[in-house]
Amino acid sequence: MSAFIVDKATIDALLTVYVALEREGDGCAEPLELARTPLLDAIGQSLVSENYRSVNYRYQERGDLPEDYTFKPVPITAPLDMVIPRALGALNGYVYQACEHPDWKRSLAFNWTTALRLRLEKRCPKRRSFDGPKMVAAALGWVIDDGERDVVFTERGLAADEARAHRGGY
């Protein structure tokens, strides 16, 4: 198996769906842009760090772990039930890339992704989850533009002219 670093847009998308699920349960109508908290930044940092640990372990490298992850919500313009299968695909793609090192199952990222997977699968029980890095982009309907990804969840998937910019590094 090969391993690669999952981009920031994927981490942001996973956290956005998590926030949307939490808000749905609370009946909160506050815009997602106001959801940024130190907790979301910490969860995102954990996800990024475990992915780096996995790639470093897989290729026997000693690359530095990135610091200062900052959550940036991804626009959700489709009903949440239509987004969930795509989010499940992105989650499985992330886990596929982050699970290569021996401490993975003792990590915060493992616990968080497992809990999110259970919530997502509960919402779409007839949908089989799918693994693999090739499925991540397709699952989110990404448009690739000069190596950066524009991400937006829509009912019909994503067309280039519908994309809203979602850029930034870790």
N, C-alpha and C. Protein backbone atom coordinates (compact mmCIF):
# COMPACT_ATOMS: atom_id res chain seq x y z
N MET A 1 0.83 -1.18 0.00
CA MET A 1 0.00 0.00 0.00
C MET A 1 0.87 1.24 0.00
N SER A 2 0.44 2.25 -0.71
CA SER A 2 1.13 3.53 -0.64
C SER A 2 0.39 4.40 0.35
N ALA A 3 1.05 5.43 0.83
CA ALA A 3 0.42 6.35 1.76
C ALA A 3 0.75 7.77 1.33
N PHE A 4 -0.17 8.68 1.56
CA PHE A 4 0.09 10.08 1.24
C PHE A 4 -0.55 10.97 2.29
N ILE A 5 -0.13 12.23 2.27
CA ILE A 5 -0.66 13.21 3.21
C ILE A 5 -2.00 13.71 2.67
N VAL A 6 -3.03 13.52 3.46
CA VAL A 6 -4.37 13.99 3.11
C VAL A 6 -4.36 15.52 3.22
N ASP A 7 -4.97 16.19 2.27
CA ASP A 7 -4.90 17.65 2.28
C ASP A 7 -5.82 18.28 3.32
N LYS A 8 -5.59 19.54 3.57
CA LYS A 8 -6.33 20.29 4.57
C LYS A 8 -7.82 20.32 4.27
N ALA A 9 -8.18 20.40 3.01
CA ALA A 9 -9.59 20.46 2.63
C ALA A 9 -10.35 19.22 3.11
N THR A 10 -9.72 18.06 3.09
CA THR A 10 -10.36 16.84 3.57
C THR A 10 -10.60 16.92 5.07
N ILE A 11 -9.59 17.37 5.82
CA ILE A 11 -9.73 17.50 7.27
C ILE A 11 -10.82 18.51 7.58
N ASP A 12 -10.80 19.63 6.90
CA ASP A 12 -11.83 20.66 7.10
C ASP A 12 -13.23 20.10 6.79
N ALA A 13 -13.35 19.33 5.73
CA ALA A 13 -14.65 18.76 5.35
C ALA A 13 -15.15 17.79 6.42
N LEU A 14 -14.28 16.95 6.95
CA LEU A 14 -14.68 16.01 7.99
C LEU A 14 -15.14 16.75 9.25
N LEU A 15 -14.40 17.76 9.64
CA LEU A 15 -14.79 18.53 10.81
C LEU A 15 -16.08 19.31 10.56
N THR A 16 -16.28 19.79 9.36
CA THR A 16 -17.51 20.51 9.02
C THR A 16 -18.72 19.60 9.17
N VAL A 17 -18.61 18.38 8.67
CA VAL A 17 -19.73 17.44 8.79
C VAL A 17 -19.98 17.11 10.25
N TYR A 18 -18.92 16.95 11.02
CA TYR A 18 -19.06 16.71 12.46
C TYR A 18 -19.84 17.85 13.12
N VAL A 19 -19.44 19.08 12.82
CA VAL A 19 -20.12 20.25 13.39
C VAL A 19 -21.58 20.28 12.94
N ALA A 20 -21.83 19.99 11.67
CA ALA A 20 -23.21 20.01 11.16
C ALA A 20 -24.06 18.96 11.87
N LEU A 21 -23.51 17.80 12.12
CA LEU A 21 -24.26 16.75 12.85
C LEU A 21 -24.55 17.19 14.28
N GLU A 22 -23.56 17.80 14.93
CA GLU A 22 -23.75 18.28 16.30
C GLU A 22 -24.83 19.36 16.34
N ARG A 23 -24.76 20.28 15.41
CA ARG A 23 -25.73 21.38 15.38
C ARG A 23 -27.12 20.90 15.04
N GLU A 24 -27.21 19.92 14.18
CA GLU A 24 -28.51 19.36 13.83
C GLU A 24 -29.19 18.80 15.08
N GLY A 25 -28.43 18.11 15.90
CA GLY A 25 -28.98 17.55 17.13
C GLY A 25 -29.39 18.61 18.14
N ASP A 26 -28.68 19.75 18.12
CA ASP A 26 -28.98 20.84 19.06
C ASP A 26 -29.99 21.84 18.50
N GLY A 27 -30.34 21.70 17.22
CA GLY A 27 -31.25 22.65 16.59
C GLY A 27 -30.62 24.02 16.40
N CYS A 28 -29.31 24.08 16.27
CA CYS A 28 -28.58 25.35 16.15
C CYS A 28 -28.61 25.83 14.70
N ALA A 29 -28.94 27.08 14.48
CA ALA A 29 -28.99 27.65 13.14
C ALA A 29 -27.84 28.63 12.90
N GLU A 30 -26.92 28.71 13.82
CA GLU A 30 -25.78 29.62 13.70
C GLU A 30 -24.93 29.24 12.49
N PRO A 31 -24.43 30.21 11.72
CA PRO A 31 -23.60 29.88 10.55
C PRO A 31 -22.36 29.07 10.93
N LEU A 32 -21.97 28.17 10.03
CA LEU A 32 -20.80 27.33 10.30
C LEU A 32 -19.53 28.15 10.52
N GLU A 33 -19.46 29.32 9.92
CA GLU A 33 -18.26 30.15 10.08
C GLU A 33 -18.01 30.49 11.55
N LEU A 34 -19.05 30.48 12.35
CA LEU A 34 -18.90 30.81 13.77
C LEU A 34 -18.55 29.59 14.62
N ALA A 35 -18.37 28.44 13.96
CA ALA A 35 -18.12 27.20 14.68
C ALA A 35 -16.67 27.02 15.10
N ARG A 36 -15.79 27.88 14.67
CA ARG A 36 -14.38 27.69 14.94
C ARG A 36 -14.10 27.78 16.43
N THR A 37 -13.52 26.71 16.97
CA THR A 37 -13.18 26.68 18.38
C THR A 37 -11.81 26.03 18.54
N PRO A 38 -11.17 26.24 19.68
CA PRO A 38 -9.90 25.55 19.93
C PRO A 38 -10.03 24.03 19.89
N LEU A 39 -11.20 23.50 20.29
CA LEU A 39 -11.40 22.05 20.25
C LEU A 39 -11.34 21.53 18.82
N LEU A 40 -12.00 22.21 17.90
CA LEU A 40 -11.97 21.78 16.49
C LEU A 40 -10.57 21.89 15.92
N ASP A 41 -9.85 22.94 16.29
CA ASP A 41 -8.45 23.07 15.86
C ASP A 41 -7.61 21.91 16.40
N ALA A 42 -7.84 21.52 17.64
CA ALA A 42 -7.07 20.44 18.27
C ALA A 42 -7.39 19.09 17.62
N ILE A 43 -8.67 18.84 17.33
CA ILE A 43 -9.03 17.59 16.65
C ILE A 43 -8.40 17.56 15.27
N GLY A 44 -8.51 18.66 14.54
CA GLY A 44 -7.89 18.73 13.21
C GLY A 44 -6.39 18.52 13.27
N GLN A 45 -5.75 19.12 14.26
CA GLN A 45 -4.30 18.95 14.41
C GLN A 45 -3.96 17.48 14.67
N SER A 46 -4.77 16.83 15.48
CA SER A 46 -4.56 15.40 15.75
C SER A 46 -4.70 14.57 14.48
N LEU A 47 -5.72 14.88 13.68
CA LEU A 47 -5.91 14.15 12.42
C LEU A 47 -4.72 14.34 11.49
N VAL A 48 -4.26 15.56 11.38
CA VAL A 48 -3.11 15.86 10.51
C VAL A 48 -1.86 15.14 11.03
N SER A 49 -1.62 15.24 12.32
CA SER A 49 -0.42 14.64 12.92
C SER A 49 -0.39 13.13 12.74
N GLU A 50 -1.53 12.47 12.94
CA GLU A 50 -1.56 11.01 12.77
C GLU A 50 -1.33 10.62 11.33
N ASN A 51 -1.82 11.42 10.40
CA ASN A 51 -1.58 11.15 8.98
C ASN A 51 -0.09 11.25 8.67
N TYR A 52 0.56 12.28 9.20
CA TYR A 52 2.01 12.43 9.00
C TYR A 52 2.77 11.28 9.64
N ARG A 53 2.37 10.88 10.85
CA ARG A 53 3.03 9.75 11.51
C ARG A 53 2.92 8.49 10.66
N SER A 54 1.76 8.28 10.07
CA SER A 54 1.53 7.11 9.25
C SER A 54 2.44 7.10 8.02
N VAL A 55 2.51 8.23 7.33
CA VAL A 55 3.35 8.31 6.14
C VAL A 55 4.83 8.16 6.52
N ASN A 56 5.24 8.82 7.60
CA ASN A 56 6.63 8.69 8.05
C ASN A 56 6.96 7.24 8.41
N TYR A 57 6.05 6.56 9.08
CA TYR A 57 6.27 5.17 9.46
C TYR A 57 6.32 4.29 8.21
N ARG A 58 5.39 4.50 7.31
CA ARG A 58 5.30 3.67 6.09
C ARG A 58 6.56 3.77 5.27
N TYR A 59 7.12 4.96 5.15
CA TYR A 59 8.29 5.16 4.30
C TYR A 59 9.59 5.30 5.10
N GLN A 60 9.50 5.02 6.39
CA GLN A 60 10.66 5.08 7.28
C GLN A 60 11.37 6.43 7.18
N GLU A 61 10.57 7.47 7.26
CA GLU A 61 11.08 8.83 7.19
C GLU A 61 10.96 9.49 8.55
N ARG A 62 11.53 10.65 8.68
CA ARG A 62 11.46 11.42 9.91
C ARG A 62 10.97 12.83 9.64
N GLY A 63 10.01 12.95 8.76
CA GLY A 63 9.49 14.28 8.43
C GLY A 63 8.86 14.94 9.65
N ASP A 64 9.02 16.24 9.71
CA ASP A 64 8.44 17.00 10.82
C ASP A 64 6.92 16.99 10.74
N LEU A 65 6.30 16.91 11.90
CA LEU A 65 4.84 17.00 11.96
C LEU A 65 4.44 18.46 11.84
N PRO A 66 3.41 18.75 11.08
CA PRO A 66 2.98 20.15 10.94
C PRO A 66 2.35 20.65 12.24
N GLU A 67 2.42 21.92 12.44
CA GLU A 67 1.80 22.54 13.60
C GLU A 67 0.83 23.60 13.13
N ASP A 68 0.03 24.08 14.06
CA ASP A 68 -0.86 25.21 13.81
C ASP A 68 -1.96 24.94 12.79
N TYR A 69 -2.60 23.78 12.89
CA TYR A 69 -3.78 23.54 12.07
C TYR A 69 -4.89 24.49 12.54
N THR A 70 -5.58 25.09 11.60
CA THR A 70 -6.72 25.96 11.90
C THR A 70 -7.91 25.50 11.07
N PHE A 71 -9.00 25.18 11.74
CA PHE A 71 -10.21 24.72 11.07
C PHE A 71 -10.85 25.84 10.26
N LYS A 72 -11.24 25.50 9.02
CA LYS A 72 -11.98 26.43 8.16
C LYS A 72 -13.19 25.67 7.62
N PRO A 73 -14.40 26.04 8.04
CA PRO A 73 -15.59 25.30 7.60
C PRO A 73 -15.73 25.27 6.08
N VAL A 74 -16.25 24.17 5.58
CA VAL A 74 -16.54 23.98 4.16
C VAL A 74 -18.03 24.27 3.96
N PRO A 75 -18.39 25.05 2.95
CA PRO A 75 -19.82 25.32 2.72
C PRO A 75 -20.60 24.04 2.44
N ILE A 76 -21.74 23.89 3.08
CA ILE A 76 -22.64 22.77 2.81
C ILE A 76 -23.91 23.37 2.22
N THR A 77 -24.15 23.08 0.93
CA THR A 77 -25.33 23.64 0.27
C THR A 77 -26.35 22.56 -0.06
N ALA A 78 -26.06 21.33 0.28
CA ALA A 78 -26.99 20.22 0.05
C ALA A 78 -27.56 19.78 1.39
N PRO A 79 -28.69 19.08 1.37
CA PRO A 79 -29.20 18.53 2.62
C PRO A 79 -28.16 17.60 3.25
N LEU A 80 -28.08 17.62 4.56
CA LEU A 80 -27.06 16.85 5.27
C LEU A 80 -27.11 15.36 4.92
N ASP A 81 -28.31 14.81 4.73
CA ASP A 81 -28.40 13.39 4.39
C ASP A 81 -27.75 13.06 3.05
N MET A 82 -27.66 14.03 2.15
CA MET A 82 -26.98 13.81 0.87
C MET A 82 -25.47 13.94 1.01
N VAL A 83 -25.04 14.67 2.00
CA VAL A 83 -23.61 14.88 2.22
C VAL A 83 -22.98 13.69 2.95
N ILE A 84 -23.75 13.04 3.78
CA ILE A 84 -23.21 11.99 4.65
C ILE A 84 -22.50 10.87 3.90
N PRO A 85 -23.04 10.30 2.81
CA PRO A 85 -22.29 9.26 2.11
C PRO A 85 -20.95 9.75 1.57
N ARG A 86 -20.92 10.99 1.10
CA ARG A 86 -19.65 11.56 0.62
C ARG A 86 -18.66 11.73 1.77
N ALA A 87 -19.18 12.18 2.90
CA ALA A 87 -18.32 12.36 4.07
C ALA A 87 -17.79 11.02 4.55
N LEU A 88 -18.60 9.98 4.49
CA LEU A 88 -18.16 8.65 4.89
C LEU A 88 -17.03 8.17 3.99
N GLY A 89 -17.14 8.44 2.71
CA GLY A 89 -16.06 8.08 1.79
C GLY A 89 -14.78 8.84 2.10
N ALA A 90 -14.90 10.13 2.40
CA ALA A 90 -13.72 10.92 2.75
C ALA A 90 -13.11 10.43 4.05
N LEU A 91 -13.95 10.09 5.02
CA LEU A 91 -13.45 9.58 6.29
C LEU A 91 -12.69 8.28 6.09
N ASN A 92 -13.26 7.37 5.32
CA ASN A 92 -12.58 6.11 5.07
C ASN A 92 -11.27 6.31 4.32
N GLY A 93 -11.25 7.25 3.40
CA GLY A 93 -10.00 7.57 2.70
C GLY A 93 -8.95 8.11 3.64
N TYR A 94 -9.37 8.99 4.56
CA TYR A 94 -8.43 9.51 5.56
C TYR A 94 -7.88 8.38 6.42
N VAL A 95 -8.75 7.54 6.95
CA VAL A 95 -8.31 6.45 7.83
C VAL A 95 -7.34 5.54 7.09
N TYR A 96 -7.61 5.27 5.83
CA TYR A 96 -6.74 4.43 5.01
C TYR A 96 -5.32 5.00 4.96
N GLN A 97 -5.20 6.31 4.98
CA GLN A 97 -3.89 6.96 4.94
C GLN A 97 -3.25 7.11 6.31
N ALA A 98 -4.04 7.14 7.36
CA ALA A 98 -3.51 7.46 8.70
C ALA A 98 -3.26 6.23 9.57
N CYS A 99 -3.64 5.06 9.13
CA CYS A 99 -3.61 3.88 10.01
C CYS A 99 -2.34 3.05 9.92
N GLU A 100 -1.32 3.53 9.24
CA GLU A 100 -0.14 2.73 8.99
C GLU A 100 0.83 2.57 10.16
N HIS A 101 0.74 3.39 11.18
CA HIS A 101 1.73 3.29 12.25
C HIS A 101 1.17 2.49 13.43
N PRO A 102 2.03 1.90 14.24
CA PRO A 102 1.57 0.98 15.29
C PRO A 102 0.77 1.64 16.42
N ASP A 103 0.87 2.94 16.61
CA ASP A 103 0.13 3.60 17.69
C ASP A 103 -1.21 4.17 17.24
N TRP A 104 -1.60 3.93 16.00
CA TRP A 104 -2.82 4.49 15.45
C TRP A 104 -4.04 4.20 16.34
N LYS A 105 -4.20 2.97 16.78
CA LYS A 105 -5.41 2.61 17.54
C LYS A 105 -5.41 3.16 18.96
N ARG A 106 -4.34 3.80 19.36
CA ARG A 106 -4.29 4.45 20.67
C ARG A 106 -4.36 5.97 20.55
N SER A 107 -4.67 6.46 19.37
CA SER A 107 -4.64 7.90 19.14
C SER A 107 -6.02 8.54 19.27
N LEU A 108 -6.01 9.83 19.54
CA LEU A 108 -7.24 10.62 19.54
C LEU A 108 -7.90 10.56 18.16
N ALA A 109 -7.09 10.62 17.11
CA ALA A 109 -7.63 10.58 15.75
C ALA A 109 -8.38 9.28 15.49
N PHE A 110 -7.86 8.15 15.96
CA PHE A 110 -8.56 6.88 15.80
C PHE A 110 -9.91 6.91 16.51
N ASN A 111 -9.90 7.36 17.75
CA ASN A 111 -11.15 7.41 18.52
C ASN A 111 -12.16 8.35 17.88
N TRP A 112 -11.70 9.52 17.44
CA TRP A 112 -12.61 10.49 16.84
C TRP A 112 -13.17 9.98 15.52
N THR A 113 -12.31 9.40 14.66
CA THR A 113 -12.79 8.91 13.36
C THR A 113 -13.72 7.71 13.54
N THR A 114 -13.46 6.88 14.53
CA THR A 114 -14.35 5.75 14.79
C THR A 114 -15.72 6.23 15.23
N ALA A 115 -15.75 7.21 16.13
CA ALA A 115 -17.03 7.76 16.59
C ALA A 115 -17.77 8.44 15.44
N LEU A 116 -17.06 9.20 14.61
CA LEU A 116 -17.71 9.85 13.47
C LEU A 116 -18.24 8.81 12.49
N ARG A 117 -17.46 7.76 12.23
CA ARG A 117 -17.92 6.72 11.31
C ARG A 117 -19.23 6.10 11.81
N LEU A 118 -19.30 5.80 13.10
CA LEU A 118 -20.53 5.22 13.65
C LEU A 118 -21.73 6.15 13.45
N ARG A 119 -21.53 7.44 13.67
CA ARG A 119 -22.62 8.41 13.46
C ARG A 119 -23.03 8.48 12.00
N LEU A 120 -22.04 8.48 11.10
CA LEU A 120 -22.35 8.57 9.67
C LEU A 120 -23.05 7.31 9.18
N GLU A 121 -22.55 6.14 9.60
CA GLU A 121 -23.15 4.88 9.15
C GLU A 121 -24.56 4.71 9.71
N LYS A 122 -24.80 5.24 10.89
CA LYS A 122 -26.15 5.17 11.46
C LYS A 122 -27.14 5.95 10.60
N ARG A 123 -26.66 7.03 9.97
CA ARG A 123 -27.52 7.87 9.13
C ARG A 123 -27.72 7.29 7.74
N CYS A 124 -26.84 6.40 7.29
CA CYS A 124 -27.00 5.80 5.96
C CYS A 124 -26.68 4.31 6.04
N PRO A 125 -27.49 3.52 6.75
CA PRO A 125 -27.17 2.12 6.98
C PRO A 125 -27.17 1.25 5.73
N LYS A 126 -27.89 1.64 4.68
CA LYS A 126 -27.92 0.82 3.47
C LYS A 126 -26.74 1.11 2.56
N ARG A 127 -26.02 2.13 2.86
CA ARG A 127 -24.88 2.54 2.04
C ARG A 127 -23.63 1.84 2.55
N ARG A 128 -22.97 1.09 1.70
CA ARG A 128 -21.71 0.47 2.09
C ARG A 128 -20.63 1.52 2.08
N SER A 129 -19.82 1.54 3.10
CA SER A 129 -18.70 2.47 3.11
C SER A 129 -17.64 1.96 2.15
N PHE A 130 -16.83 2.86 1.63
CA PHE A 130 -15.80 2.45 0.71
C PHE A 130 -14.47 3.07 1.14
N ASP A 131 -13.43 2.27 0.98
CA ASP A 131 -12.10 2.69 1.40
C ASP A 131 -11.25 3.04 0.20
N GLY A 132 -10.14 3.65 0.47
CA GLY A 132 -9.15 3.88 -0.56
C GLY A 132 -8.96 5.33 -0.89
N PRO A 133 -7.71 5.71 -1.10
CA PRO A 133 -7.41 7.11 -1.38
C PRO A 133 -8.01 7.63 -2.68
N LYS A 134 -8.21 6.77 -3.66
CA LYS A 134 -8.77 7.23 -4.93
C LYS A 134 -10.22 7.64 -4.78
N MET A 135 -10.89 7.13 -3.74
CA MET A 135 -12.30 7.42 -3.57
C MET A 135 -12.54 8.75 -2.86
N VAL A 136 -11.51 9.31 -2.23
CA VAL A 136 -11.71 10.52 -1.43
C VAL A 136 -12.18 11.67 -2.31
N ALA A 137 -11.46 11.96 -3.38
CA ALA A 137 -11.82 13.08 -4.23
C ALA A 137 -13.19 12.86 -4.87
N ALA A 138 -13.44 11.65 -5.33
CA ALA A 138 -14.73 11.35 -5.96
C ALA A 138 -15.86 11.47 -4.95
N ALA A 139 -15.60 11.04 -3.73
CA ALA A 139 -16.64 11.08 -2.70
C ALA A 139 -17.06 12.50 -2.37
N LEU A 140 -16.12 13.42 -2.41
CA LEU A 140 -16.43 14.81 -2.10
C LEU A 140 -16.78 15.62 -3.34
N GLY A 141 -16.59 15.06 -4.53
CA GLY A 141 -16.90 15.79 -5.74
C GLY A 141 -15.95 16.95 -5.97
N TRP A 142 -14.67 16.74 -5.73
CA TRP A 142 -13.72 17.83 -5.82
C TRP A 142 -13.41 18.22 -7.25
N VAL A 143 -13.12 19.48 -7.44
CA VAL A 143 -12.55 19.99 -8.67
C VAL A 143 -11.12 20.37 -8.34
N ILE A 144 -10.19 19.92 -9.14
CA ILE A 144 -8.79 20.23 -8.87
C ILE A 144 -8.38 21.40 -9.73
N ASP A 145 -7.79 22.40 -9.11
CA ASP A 145 -7.40 23.62 -9.80
C ASP A 145 -5.97 23.95 -9.43
N ASP A 146 -5.02 23.71 -10.34
CA ASP A 146 -3.61 24.02 -10.13
C ASP A 146 -3.08 23.44 -8.82
N GLY A 147 -3.46 22.21 -8.50
CA GLY A 147 -2.91 21.56 -7.32
C GLY A 147 -3.62 21.91 -6.02
N GLU A 148 -4.53 22.88 -6.05
CA GLU A 148 -5.30 23.20 -4.85
C GLU A 148 -6.71 22.72 -5.07
N ARG A 149 -7.43 22.49 -4.00
CA ARG A 149 -8.76 21.92 -4.13
C ARG A 149 -9.81 22.94 -3.71
N ASP A 150 -10.83 23.07 -4.54
CA ASP A 150 -12.00 23.84 -4.19
C ASP A 150 -13.06 22.85 -3.75
N VAL A 151 -13.65 23.06 -2.62
CA VAL A 151 -14.59 22.10 -2.06
C VAL A 151 -15.89 22.78 -1.74
N VAL A 152 -16.99 22.19 -2.15
CA VAL A 152 -18.31 22.62 -1.72
C VAL A 152 -19.22 21.41 -1.84
N PHE A 153 -20.05 21.19 -0.86
CA PHE A 153 -21.01 20.09 -0.92
C PHE A 153 -22.28 20.61 -1.59
N THR A 154 -22.70 19.96 -2.68
CA THR A 154 -23.93 20.36 -3.36
C THR A 154 -24.78 19.13 -3.61
N GLU A 155 -26.04 19.35 -4.00
CA GLU A 155 -26.93 18.23 -4.27
C GLU A 155 -26.49 17.42 -5.49
N ARG A 156 -25.99 18.09 -6.52
CA ARG A 156 -25.63 17.40 -7.76
C ARG A 156 -24.17 17.04 -7.83
N GLY A 157 -23.43 17.18 -6.77
CA GLY A 157 -22.01 16.98 -6.84
C GLY A 157 -21.35 18.34 -7.00
N LEU A 158 -20.34 18.42 -7.80
CA LEU A 158 -19.63 19.69 -7.92
C LEU A 158 -19.28 19.95 -9.37
N ALA A 159 -19.68 21.10 -9.86
CA ALA A 159 -19.28 21.55 -11.19
C ALA A 159 -18.28 22.68 -10.99
N ALA A 160 -17.37 22.83 -11.91
CA ALA A 160 -16.31 23.83 -11.76
C ALA A 160 -16.85 25.22 -11.52
N ASP A 161 -17.91 25.59 -12.21
CA ASP A 161 -18.45 26.93 -12.05
C ASP A 161 -19.24 27.09 -10.75
N GLU A 162 -19.51 25.99 -10.03
CA GLU A 162 -20.24 26.08 -8.77
C GLU A 162 -19.29 26.11 -7.57
N ALA A 163 -18.04 25.83 -7.80
CA ALA A 163 -17.10 25.71 -6.68
C ALA A 163 -16.87 27.04 -5.99
N ARG A 164 -16.80 26.98 -4.69
CA ARG A 164 -16.39 28.14 -3.89
C ARG A 164 -15.00 27.86 -3.40
N ALA A 165 -14.17 28.88 -3.36
CA ALA A 165 -12.78 28.66 -2.96
C ALA A 165 -12.71 28.20 -1.51
N HIS A 166 -11.91 27.18 -1.32
CA HIS A 166 -11.63 26.69 0.03
C HIS A 166 -10.15 26.32 0.01
N ARG A 167 -9.34 27.28 0.32
CA ARG A 167 -7.90 27.09 0.16
C ARG A 167 -7.19 27.33 1.48
N GLY A 168 -5.93 26.96 1.48
CA GLY A 168 -5.10 27.23 2.63
C GLY A 168 -4.29 26.01 3.01
N GLY A 169 -3.15 26.26 3.58
CA GLY A 169 -2.31 25.17 4.04
C GLY A 169 -2.55 24.90 5.50
N TYR A 170 -1.77 24.03 6.03
CA TYR A 170 -1.88 23.72 7.45
C TYR A 170 -1.27 24.86 8.20
